[in-house]
C-alpha atoms as a PDB file:
ATOM      1  CA  UNK A   1     -40.643  32.902  54.714  1.00  0.00           C
ATOM      2  CA  UNK A   2     -39.698  32.985  58.409  1.00  0.00           C
ATOM      3  CA  UNK A   3     -39.090  29.219  58.514  1.00  0.00           C
ATOM      4  CA  UNK A   4     -36.745  29.480  55.529  1.00  0.00           C
ATOM      5  CA  UNK A   5     -34.839  32.312  57.215  1.00  0.00           C
ATOM      6  CA  UNK A   6     -34.613  30.289  60.429  1.00  0.00           C
ATOM      7  CA  UNK A   7     -33.247  27.193  58.700  1.00  0.00           C
ATOM      8  CA  UNK A   8     -30.836  29.259  56.614  1.00  0.00           C
ATOM      9  CA  UNK A   9     -29.163  30.371  59.840  1.00  0.00           C
ATOM     10  CA  UNK A  10     -28.745  26.745  60.978  1.00  0.00           C
ATOM     11  CA  UNK A  11     -25.047  25.646  61.232  1.00  0.00           C
ATOM     12  CA  UNK A  12     -25.622  22.749  58.826  1.00  0.00           C
ATOM     13  CA  UNK A  13     -27.312  24.878  56.149  1.00  0.00           C
ATOM     14  CA  UNK A  14     -24.051  25.630  54.336  1.00  0.00           C
ATOM     15  CA  UNK A  15     -23.130  21.953  54.111  1.00  0.00           C
ATOM     16  CA  UNK A  16     -26.584  21.109  52.769  1.00  0.00           C
ATOM     17  CA  UNK A  17     -26.255  23.720  50.028  1.00  0.00           C
ATOM     18  CA  UNK A  18     -22.854  22.385  48.988  1.00  0.00           C
ATOM     19  CA  UNK A  19     -24.188  18.804  48.955  1.00  0.00           C
ATOM     20  CA  UNK A  20     -27.211  19.735  46.855  1.00  0.00           C
ATOM     21  CA  UNK A  21     -24.961  21.630  44.425  1.00  0.00           C
ATOM     22  CA  UNK A  22     -22.663  18.634  44.015  1.00  0.00           C
ATOM     23  CA  UNK A  23     -25.639  16.334  43.424  1.00  0.00           C
ATOM     24  CA  UNK A  24     -27.016  18.697  40.782  1.00  0.00           C
ATOM     25  CA  UNK A  25     -23.627  18.874  39.019  1.00  0.00           C
ATOM     26  CA  UNK A  26     -23.314  15.093  39.086  1.00  0.00           C
ATOM     27  CA  UNK A  27     -26.775  14.588  37.637  1.00  0.00           C
ATOM     28  CA  UNK A  28     -26.054  17.119  34.911  1.00  0.00           C
ATOM     29  CA  UNK A  29     -22.780  15.415  33.974  1.00  0.00           C
ATOM     30  CA  UNK A  30     -24.474  12.023  33.884  1.00  0.00           C
ATOM     31  CA  UNK A  31     -27.180  13.394  31.626  1.00  0.00           C
ATOM     32  CA  UNK A  32     -24.587  14.730  29.190  1.00  0.00           C
ATOM     33  CA  UNK A  33     -22.181  11.773  29.121  1.00  0.00           C
ATOM     34  CA  UNK A  34     -24.106   8.814  30.434  1.00  0.00           C
ATOM     35  CA  UNK A  35     -26.464   8.474  27.470  1.00  0.00           C
ATOM     36  CA  UNK A  36     -23.586   8.465  24.973  1.00  0.00           C
ATOM     37  CA  UNK A  37     -21.747   5.783  26.963  1.00  0.00           C
ATOM     38  CA  UNK A  38     -24.802   3.583  27.079  1.00  0.00           C
ATOM     39  CA  UNK A  39     -25.345   3.959  23.363  1.00  0.00           C
ATOM     40  CA  UNK A  40     -21.722   3.129  22.641  1.00  0.00           C
ATOM     41  CA  UNK A  41     -21.844   0.040  24.808  1.00  0.00           C
ATOM     42  CA  UNK A  42     -25.028  -1.236  23.233  1.00  0.00           C
ATOM     43  CA  UNK A  43     -24.118  -0.388  19.641  1.00  0.00           C
ATOM     44  CA  UNK A  44     -20.367  -0.344  18.803  1.00  0.00           C
ATOM     45  CA  UNK A  45     -19.294   2.130  16.155  1.00  0.00           C
ATOM     46  CA  UNK A  46     -18.546   1.020  12.611  1.00  0.00           C
ATOM     47  CA  UNK A  47     -14.830   1.450  13.263  1.00  0.00           C
ATOM     48  CA  UNK A  48     -14.998  -0.772  16.366  1.00  0.00           C
ATOM     49  CA  UNK A  49     -16.831  -3.433  14.391  1.00  0.00           C
ATOM     50  CA  UNK A  50     -14.231  -3.249  11.620  1.00  0.00           C
ATOM     51  CA  UNK A  51     -11.372  -3.621  14.114  1.00  0.00           C
ATOM     52  CA  UNK A  52     -13.106  -6.572  15.762  1.00  0.00           C
ATOM     53  CA  UNK A  53     -13.517  -8.228  12.357  1.00  0.00           C
ATOM     54  CA  UNK A  54      -9.868  -7.561  11.577  1.00  0.00           C
ATOM     55  CA  UNK A  55      -8.831  -9.136  14.878  1.00  0.00           C
ATOM     56  CA  UNK A  56     -10.691 -12.319  13.940  1.00  0.00           C
ATOM     57  CA  UNK A  57      -9.021 -12.451  10.512  1.00  0.00           C
ATOM     58  CA  UNK A  58      -5.612 -11.814  12.075  1.00  0.00           C
ATOM     59  CA  UNK A  59      -6.053 -14.582  14.652  1.00  0.00           C
ATOM     60  CA  UNK A  60      -7.019 -17.082  11.951  1.00  0.00           C
ATOM     61  CA  UNK A  61      -4.491 -16.187   9.255  1.00  0.00           C
ATOM     62  CA  UNK A  62      -1.588 -14.167  10.641  1.00  0.00           C
ATOM     63  CA  UNK A  63      -1.037 -14.922  14.326  1.00  0.00           C
ATOM     64  CA  UNK A  64       0.813 -18.186  13.677  1.00  0.00           C
ATOM     65  CA  UNK A  65       3.765 -16.169  12.314  1.00  0.00           C
ATOM     66  CA  UNK A  66       3.352 -12.680  13.779  1.00  0.00           C
ATOM     67  CA  UNK A  67       2.128 -13.723  17.231  1.00  0.00           C
ATOM     68  CA  UNK A  68      -1.292 -13.505  18.858  1.00  0.00           C
ATOM     69  CA  UNK A  69      -0.762  -9.822  19.683  1.00  0.00           C
ATOM     70  CA  UNK A  70       1.218  -9.037  16.485  1.00  0.00           C
ATOM     71  CA  UNK A  71       4.302  -8.744  18.675  1.00  0.00           C
ATOM     72  CA  UNK A  72       6.436 -10.708  16.205  1.00  0.00           C
ATOM     73  CA  UNK A  73       8.152 -14.079  16.440  1.00  0.00           C
ATOM     74  CA  UNK A  74      11.357 -15.713  15.252  1.00  0.00           C
ATOM     75  CA  UNK A  75       9.903 -16.152  11.758  1.00  0.00           C
ATOM     76  CA  UNK A  76       8.041 -12.853  11.283  1.00  0.00           C
ATOM     77  CA  UNK A  77       8.501  -9.267  12.494  1.00  0.00           C
ATOM     78  CA  UNK A  78       6.295  -7.282  14.834  1.00  0.00           C
ATOM     79  CA  UNK A  79       3.444  -5.408  13.173  1.00  0.00           C
ATOM     80  CA  UNK A  80       2.977  -2.876  15.955  1.00  0.00           C
ATOM     81  CA  UNK A  81       3.464   0.557  14.422  1.00  0.00           C
ATOM     82  CA  UNK A  82       3.674  -0.502  10.765  1.00  0.00           C
ATOM     83  CA  UNK A  83       0.318   1.126   9.983  1.00  0.00           C
ATOM     84  CA  UNK A  84      -2.688   0.346   7.835  1.00  0.00           C
ATOM     85  CA  UNK A  85      -0.987   1.259   4.547  1.00  0.00           C
ATOM     86  CA  UNK A  86       1.720  -1.410   4.914  1.00  0.00           C
ATOM     87  CA  UNK A  87      -0.810  -4.125   5.769  1.00  0.00           C
ATOM     88  CA  UNK A  88      -3.153  -3.121   2.947  1.00  0.00           C
ATOM     89  CA  UNK A  89      -0.297  -3.197   0.432  1.00  0.00           C
ATOM     90  CA  UNK A  90       1.135  -6.534   1.520  1.00  0.00           C
ATOM     91  CA  UNK A  91      -2.250  -8.276   1.627  1.00  0.00           C
ATOM     92  CA  UNK A  92      -3.897  -6.695  -1.428  1.00  0.00           C
ATOM     93  CA  UNK A  93      -0.897  -7.582  -3.621  1.00  0.00           C
ATOM     94  CA  UNK A  94      -0.913 -11.172  -2.372  1.00  0.00           C
ATOM     95  CA  UNK A  95       2.463 -11.036  -0.654  1.00  0.00           C
ATOM     96  CA  UNK A  96       0.773 -11.839   2.648  1.00  0.00           C
ATOM     97  CA  UNK A  97      -0.193 -14.206   4.139  1.00  0.00           C
ATOM     98  CA  UNK A  98       3.137 -15.690   3.038  1.00  0.00           C
ATOM     99  CA  UNK A  99       3.109 -19.226   1.695  1.00  0.00           C
ATOM    100  CA  UNK A 100       6.642 -19.518   0.316  1.00  0.00           C
ATOM    101  CA  UNK A 101       9.046 -17.190   2.162  1.00  0.00           C
ATOM    102  CA  UNK A 102      12.018 -16.061   0.075  1.00  0.00           C
ATOM    103  CA  UNK A 103      14.002 -13.010  -1.055  1.00  0.00           C
ATOM    104  CA  UNK A 104      10.826 -11.727  -2.709  1.00  0.00           C
ATOM    105  CA  UNK A 105       7.398 -12.842  -1.578  1.00  0.00           C
ATOM    106  CA  UNK A 106       5.615 -14.423  -4.565  1.00  0.00           C
ATOM    107  CA  UNK A 107       2.558 -12.540  -5.754  1.00  0.00           C
ATOM    108  CA  UNK A 108      -0.807 -14.267  -5.663  1.00  0.00           C
ATOM    109  CA  UNK A 109      -4.477 -13.238  -5.610  1.00  0.00           C
ATOM    110  CA  UNK A 110      -5.664 -11.503  -2.449  1.00  0.00           C
ATOM    111  CA  UNK A 111      -7.261 -14.257  -0.320  1.00  0.00           C
ATOM    112  CA  UNK A 112      -9.622 -11.766   1.310  1.00  0.00           C
ATOM    113  CA  UNK A 113     -12.369  -9.475   0.096  1.00  0.00           C
ATOM    114  CA  UNK A 114     -11.558  -5.739  -0.056  1.00  0.00           C
ATOM    115  CA  UNK A 115     -13.628  -5.194   3.099  1.00  0.00           C
ATOM    116  CA  UNK A 116     -11.746  -7.938   4.951  1.00  0.00           C
ATOM    117  CA  UNK A 117      -8.389  -6.542   3.854  1.00  0.00           C
ATOM    118  CA  UNK A 118      -9.357  -3.083   5.117  1.00  0.00           C
ATOM    119  CA  UNK A 119     -10.580  -4.594   8.389  1.00  0.00           C
ATOM    120  CA  UNK A 120      -7.261  -6.374   8.880  1.00  0.00           C
ATOM    121  CA  UNK A 121      -5.416  -3.129   8.157  1.00  0.00           C
ATOM    122  CA  UNK A 122      -7.630  -1.254  10.629  1.00  0.00           C
ATOM    123  CA  UNK A 123      -6.898  -3.792  13.359  1.00  0.00           C
ATOM    124  CA  UNK A 124      -3.128  -3.569  12.921  1.00  0.00           C
ATOM    125  CA  UNK A 125      -3.347   0.235  12.824  1.00  0.00           C
ATOM    126  CA  UNK A 126      -5.229   0.166  16.139  1.00  0.00           C
ATOM    127  CA  UNK A 127      -2.214  -1.495  17.769  1.00  0.00           C
ATOM    128  CA  UNK A 128       0.011   1.533  17.332  1.00  0.00           C
ATOM    129  CA  UNK A 129      -0.022   4.162  14.625  1.00  0.00           C
ATOM    130  CA  UNK A 130       1.779   4.027  11.299  1.00  0.00           C
ATOM    131  CA  UNK A 131       0.881   5.438   7.847  1.00  0.00           C
ATOM    132  CA  UNK A 132      -2.846   5.206   6.995  1.00  0.00           C
ATOM    133  CA  UNK A 133      -4.318   3.987   3.710  1.00  0.00           C
ATOM    134  CA  UNK A 134      -4.234   6.976   1.295  1.00  0.00           C
ATOM    135  CA  UNK A 135      -7.463   8.678   0.346  1.00  0.00           C
ATOM    136  CA  UNK A 136      -9.001   8.543  -3.125  1.00  0.00           C
ATOM    137  CA  UNK A 137      -7.911  12.143  -3.785  1.00  0.00           C
ATOM    138  CA  UNK A 138      -4.292  11.389  -2.883  1.00  0.00           C
ATOM    139  CA  UNK A 139      -4.057   8.636  -5.518  1.00  0.00           C
ATOM    140  CA  UNK A 140      -6.216  10.133  -8.272  1.00  0.00           C
ATOM    141  CA  UNK A 141      -4.066  10.165 -11.466  1.00  0.00           C
ATOM    142  CA  UNK A 142      -6.316  12.806 -13.010  1.00  0.00           C
ATOM    143  CA  UNK A 143      -5.081  15.305 -10.405  1.00  0.00           C
ATOM    144  CA  UNK A 144      -1.390  14.621 -11.044  1.00  0.00           C
ATOM    145  CA  UNK A 145       1.166  16.269 -13.329  1.00  0.00           C
ATOM    146  CA  UNK A 146       2.339  13.624 -15.828  1.00  0.00           C
ATOM    147  CA  UNK A 147       5.385  15.601 -17.032  1.00  0.00           C
ATOM    148  CA  UNK A 148       6.651  16.234 -13.506  1.00  0.00           C
ATOM    149  CA  UNK A 149       5.797  12.649 -12.584  1.00  0.00           C
ATOM    150  CA  UNK A 150       8.021  11.392 -15.416  1.00  0.00           C
ATOM    151  CA  UNK A 151      10.969  13.426 -14.124  1.00  0.00           C
ATOM    152  CA  UNK A 152      10.438  12.189 -10.566  1.00  0.00           C
ATOM    153  CA  UNK A 153      10.020   8.588 -11.708  1.00  0.00           C
ATOM    154  CA  UNK A 154      13.236   8.638 -13.774  1.00  0.00           C
ATOM    155  CA  UNK A 155      15.144  10.184 -10.871  1.00  0.00           C
ATOM    156  CA  UNK A 156      13.841   7.886  -8.141  1.00  0.00           C
ATOM    157  CA  UNK A 157      12.290   4.725  -9.597  1.00  0.00           C
ATOM    158  CA  UNK A 158      13.533   3.901 -13.115  1.00  0.00           C
ATOM    159  CA  UNK A 159      16.811   2.389 -11.893  1.00  0.00           C
ATOM    160  CA  UNK A 160      14.865  -0.606 -10.575  1.00  0.00           C
ATOM    161  CA  UNK A 161      11.434  -0.527 -12.196  1.00  0.00           C
ATOM    162  CA  UNK A 162      12.545   0.457 -15.737  1.00  0.00           C
ATOM    163  CA  UNK A 163      11.544   3.704 -17.465  1.00  0.00           C
ATOM    164  CA  UNK A 164       7.989   2.524 -18.100  1.00  0.00           C
ATOM    165  CA  UNK A 165       7.493   0.469 -14.934  1.00  0.00           C
ATOM    166  CA  UNK A 166       8.171  -2.901 -16.580  1.00  0.00           C
ATOM    167  CA  UNK A 167      10.264  -4.089 -13.619  1.00  0.00           C
ATOM    168  CA  UNK A 168      13.679  -5.675 -13.530  1.00  0.00           C
ATOM    169  CA  UNK A 169      16.056  -8.018 -11.697  1.00  0.00           C
ATOM    170  CA  UNK A 170      17.974  -6.985  -8.578  1.00  0.00           C
ATOM    171  CA  UNK A 171      20.736  -8.650  -6.563  1.00  0.00           C
ATOM    172  CA  UNK A 172      20.448 -11.679  -4.246  1.00  0.00           C
ATOM    173  CA  UNK A 173      17.415 -13.121  -5.980  1.00  0.00           C
ATOM    174  CA  UNK A 174      15.310 -10.013  -5.554  1.00  0.00           C
ATOM    175  CA  UNK A 175      13.517  -8.121  -8.280  1.00  0.00           C
ATOM    176  CA  UNK A 176      11.550  -4.936  -8.815  1.00  0.00           C
ATOM    177  CA  UNK A 177       8.051  -5.973  -9.901  1.00  0.00           C
ATOM    178  CA  UNK A 178       6.283  -4.591 -12.927  1.00  0.00           C
ATOM    179  CA  UNK A 179       3.890  -1.766 -12.164  1.00  0.00           C
ATOM    180  CA  UNK A 180       1.558  -2.511 -15.052  1.00  0.00           C
ATOM    181  CA  UNK A 181      -1.071  -4.167 -12.845  1.00  0.00           C
ATOM    182  CA  UNK A 182      -0.558  -2.203  -9.614  1.00  0.00           C
ATOM    183  CA  UNK A 183      -3.407   0.048  -8.533  1.00  0.00           C
ATOM    184  CA  UNK A 184      -2.756   3.714  -7.727  1.00  0.00           C
ATOM    185  CA  UNK A 185      -3.380   2.957  -4.050  1.00  0.00           C
ATOM    186  CA  UNK A 186      -0.813   0.150  -4.045  1.00  0.00           C
ATOM    187  CA  UNK A 187       1.776   2.353  -5.789  1.00  0.00           C
ATOM    188  CA  UNK A 188       1.278   5.119  -3.221  1.00  0.00           C
ATOM    189  CA  UNK A 189       1.475   2.640  -0.331  1.00  0.00           C
ATOM    190  CA  UNK A 190       4.686   1.136  -1.717  1.00  0.00           C
ATOM    191  CA  UNK A 191       6.333   4.558  -1.843  1.00  0.00           C
ATOM    192  CA  UNK A 192       5.065   5.327   1.656  1.00  0.00           C
ATOM    193  CA  UNK A 193       6.137   2.080   3.343  1.00  0.00           C
ATOM    194  CA  UNK A 194       9.079   0.738   1.277  1.00  0.00           C
ATOM    195  CA  UNK A 195       8.290  -2.971   1.008  1.00  0.00           C
ATOM    196  CA  UNK A 196      11.133  -5.509   0.753  1.00  0.00           C
ATOM    197  CA  UNK A 197      14.084  -4.051  -1.231  1.00  0.00           C
ATOM    198  CA  UNK A 198      12.349  -0.754  -1.968  1.00  0.00           C
ATOM    199  CA  UNK A 199      13.415   2.334   0.023  1.00  0.00           C
ATOM    200  CA  UNK A 200      10.877   4.430   1.916  1.00  0.00           C
ATOM    201  CA  UNK A 201       9.852   7.646   0.176  1.00  0.00           C
ATOM    202  CA  UNK A 202       8.202   9.434   3.071  1.00  0.00           C
ATOM    203  CA  UNK A 203       6.533  12.812   2.748  1.00  0.00           C
ATOM    204  CA  UNK A 204       9.828  14.522   3.502  1.00  0.00           C
ATOM    205  CA  UNK A 205      11.425  12.866   0.457  1.00  0.00           C
ATOM    206  CA  UNK A 206       8.448  12.923  -1.906  1.00  0.00           C
ATOM    207  CA  UNK A 207       5.468  15.070  -0.973  1.00  0.00           C
ATOM    208  CA  UNK A 208       1.957  13.604  -1.337  1.00  0.00           C
ATOM    209  CA  UNK A 209       1.555  15.711  -4.469  1.00  0.00           C
ATOM    210  CA  UNK A 210       4.806  14.310  -5.921  1.00  0.00           C
ATOM    211  CA  UNK A 211       3.632  10.770  -5.235  1.00  0.00           C
ATOM    212  CA  UNK A 212       0.416  11.522  -7.093  1.00  0.00           C
ATOM    213  CA  UNK A 213       2.427  12.931 -10.010  1.00  0.00           C
ATOM    214  CA  UNK A 214       4.416   9.685 -10.223  1.00  0.00           C
ATOM    215  CA  UNK A 215       1.188   7.680 -10.175  1.00  0.00           C
ATOM    216  CA  UNK A 216      -0.170   9.844 -12.993  1.00  0.00           C
ATOM    217  CA  UNK A 217       2.929   9.095 -15.097  1.00  0.00           C
ATOM    218  CA  UNK A 218       2.792   5.338 -14.450  1.00  0.00           C
ATOM    219  CA  UNK A 219      -0.887   5.165 -15.370  1.00  0.00           C
ATOM    220  CA  UNK A 220      -0.291   7.295 -18.465  1.00  0.00           C
ATOM    221  CA  UNK A 221       2.426   4.964 -19.789  1.00  0.00           C
ATOM    222  CA  UNK A 222      -0.060   2.076 -19.837  1.00  0.00           C
ATOM    223  CA  UNK A 223      -2.099   3.730 -22.564  1.00  0.00           C
ATOM    224  CA  UNK A 224       0.831   4.926 -24.697  1.00  0.00           C
ATOM    225  CA  UNK A 225       1.136   3.461 -28.190  1.00  0.00           C
ATOM    226  CA  UNK A 226       4.306   1.944 -29.622  1.00  0.00           C
ATOM    227  CA  UNK A 227       5.080   3.976 -32.754  1.00  0.00           C
ATOM    228  CA  UNK A 228       7.930   1.624 -33.642  1.00  0.00           C
ATOM    229  CA  UNK A 229       5.638  -1.401 -33.845  1.00  0.00           C
ATOM    230  CA  UNK A 230       6.439  -4.220 -31.455  1.00  0.00           C
ATOM    231  CA  UNK A 231       6.901  -3.172 -27.838  1.00  0.00           C
ATOM    232  CA  UNK A 232       9.382  -5.997 -27.036  1.00  0.00           C
ATOM    233  CA  UNK A 233       8.154  -5.903 -23.473  1.00  0.00           C
ATOM    234  CA  UNK A 234       9.083  -2.219 -23.179  1.00  0.00           C
ATOM    235  CA  UNK A 235      12.029  -3.167 -21.035  1.00  0.00           C
ATOM    236  CA  UNK A 236      14.557  -0.831 -22.593  1.00  0.00           C
ATOM    237  CA  UNK A 237      17.424  -0.617 -25.115  1.00  0.00           C
ATOM    238  CA  UNK A 238      19.141  -3.871 -24.062  1.00  0.00           C
ATOM    239  CA  UNK A 239      16.264  -5.976 -25.353  1.00  0.00           C
ATOM    240  CA  UNK A 240      15.894  -3.830 -28.450  1.00  0.00           C
ATOM    241  CA  UNK A 241      19.632  -4.083 -29.190  1.00  0.00           C
ATOM    242  CA  UNK A 242      19.621  -7.848 -28.649  1.00  0.00           C
ATOM    243  CA  UNK A 243      16.718  -8.323 -31.057  1.00  0.00           C
ATOM    244  CA  UNK A 244      18.439  -6.118 -33.638  1.00  0.00           C
ATOM    245  CA  UNK A 245      21.707  -8.067 -33.250  1.00  0.00           C
ATOM    246  CA  UNK A 246      20.037 -11.458 -33.557  1.00  0.00           C
ATOM    247  CA  UNK A 247      18.004 -10.299 -36.535  1.00  0.00           C
ATOM    248  CA  UNK A 248      21.101  -8.998 -38.307  1.00  0.00           C
ATOM    249  CA  UNK A 249      23.010 -12.192 -37.473  1.00  0.00           C
ATOM    250  CA  UNK A 250      20.210 -14.333 -38.891  1.00  0.00           C
ATOM    251  CA  UNK A 251      20.153 -12.204 -42.043  1.00  0.00           C
ATOM    252  CA  UNK A 252      23.912 -12.626 -42.509  1.00  0.00           C
ATOM    253  CA  UNK A 253      23.709 -16.418 -42.048  1.00  0.00           C
ATOM    254  CA  UNK A 254      20.889 -16.688 -44.575  1.00  0.00           C
ATOM    255  CA  UNK A 255      22.783 -14.439 -46.984  1.00  0.00           C
ATOM    256  CA  UNK A 256      25.913 -16.589 -46.622  1.00  0.00           C
ATOM    257  CA  UNK A 257      23.899 -19.762 -47.272  1.00  0.00           C
ATOM    258  CA  UNK A 258      22.278 -18.198 -50.314  1.00  0.00           C
ATOM    259  CA  UNK A 259      25.618 -17.066 -51.771  1.00  0.00           C
ATOM    260  CA  UNK A 260      27.184 -20.488 -51.143  1.00  0.00           C
ATOM    261  CA  UNK A 261      24.263 -22.281 -52.749  1.00  0.00           C
ATOM    262  CA  UNK A 262      24.376 -19.968 -55.771  1.00  0.00           C
ATOM    263  CA  UNK A 263      28.101 -20.537 -56.270  1.00  0.00           C
ATOM    264  CA  UNK A 264      27.591 -24.299 -56.045  1.00  0.00           C
ATOM    265  CA  UNK A 265      24.995 -24.217 -58.829  1.00  0.00           C
ATOM    266  CA  UNK A 266      27.319 -22.113 -60.997  1.00  0.00           C
ATOM    267  CA  UNK A 267      30.112 -24.701 -60.693  1.00  0.00           C
ATOM    268  CA  UNK A 268      27.701 -27.512 -61.626  1.00  0.00           C
ATOM    269  CA  UNK A 269      26.774 -25.731 -64.880  1.00  0.00           C
ATOM    270  CA  UNK A 270      30.435 -25.327 -65.774  1.00  0.00           C
END
């Protein structure tokens, strides 16, 4: 014990204690964080793998218009900050990659698998925020209020999409597409991002619950029967009135022909 006491009184003893303490702290920190870093480097997380896959898809299919870093070019806007929801909507509905640019991007089958589309959306989201793809609960029609959804749809959507989501023409060659084939996720994403001529209905305008109510109404209309018989496309009173007018006009023409023919036969008998 005497040799310990003697060395403890040495002028350098204090520095040695501080050095040993720092070494111990460093080793402890390395033990806590070093193993996790090594594991991450050797085995990237599922999200990192998805982003890497999305980067490959983007470079092959999108960079020619949007730029190698999605910074935008003269023919296509920047995608930085648009979010995963916008990319998922545009690609899953076939609007992108664009083949024939115009007032409204023509719809076509999604050229990618669902996993590839989600990977592409994840990559763009990694470049700078934006609305995420909605969860299954957010778009579940079974959790929505159909009656309230009808009121919200008539107030905010029917002017363009028709009362039952059948779509309609707009100005300058644009049109509101029919919602009969859109998935609940695509409907939610459209409200969230406002593609093309559609305004953005953010959460301050329509809450997530309100969006789900609208989805519930749209899905419900698809299973409604037509008590009047023919649906006539379910595009509203203009079509119904036109069919009624043409039908009545045809009846009057046939009636006039029948009366004329009958009078002609009467004169022949005389």
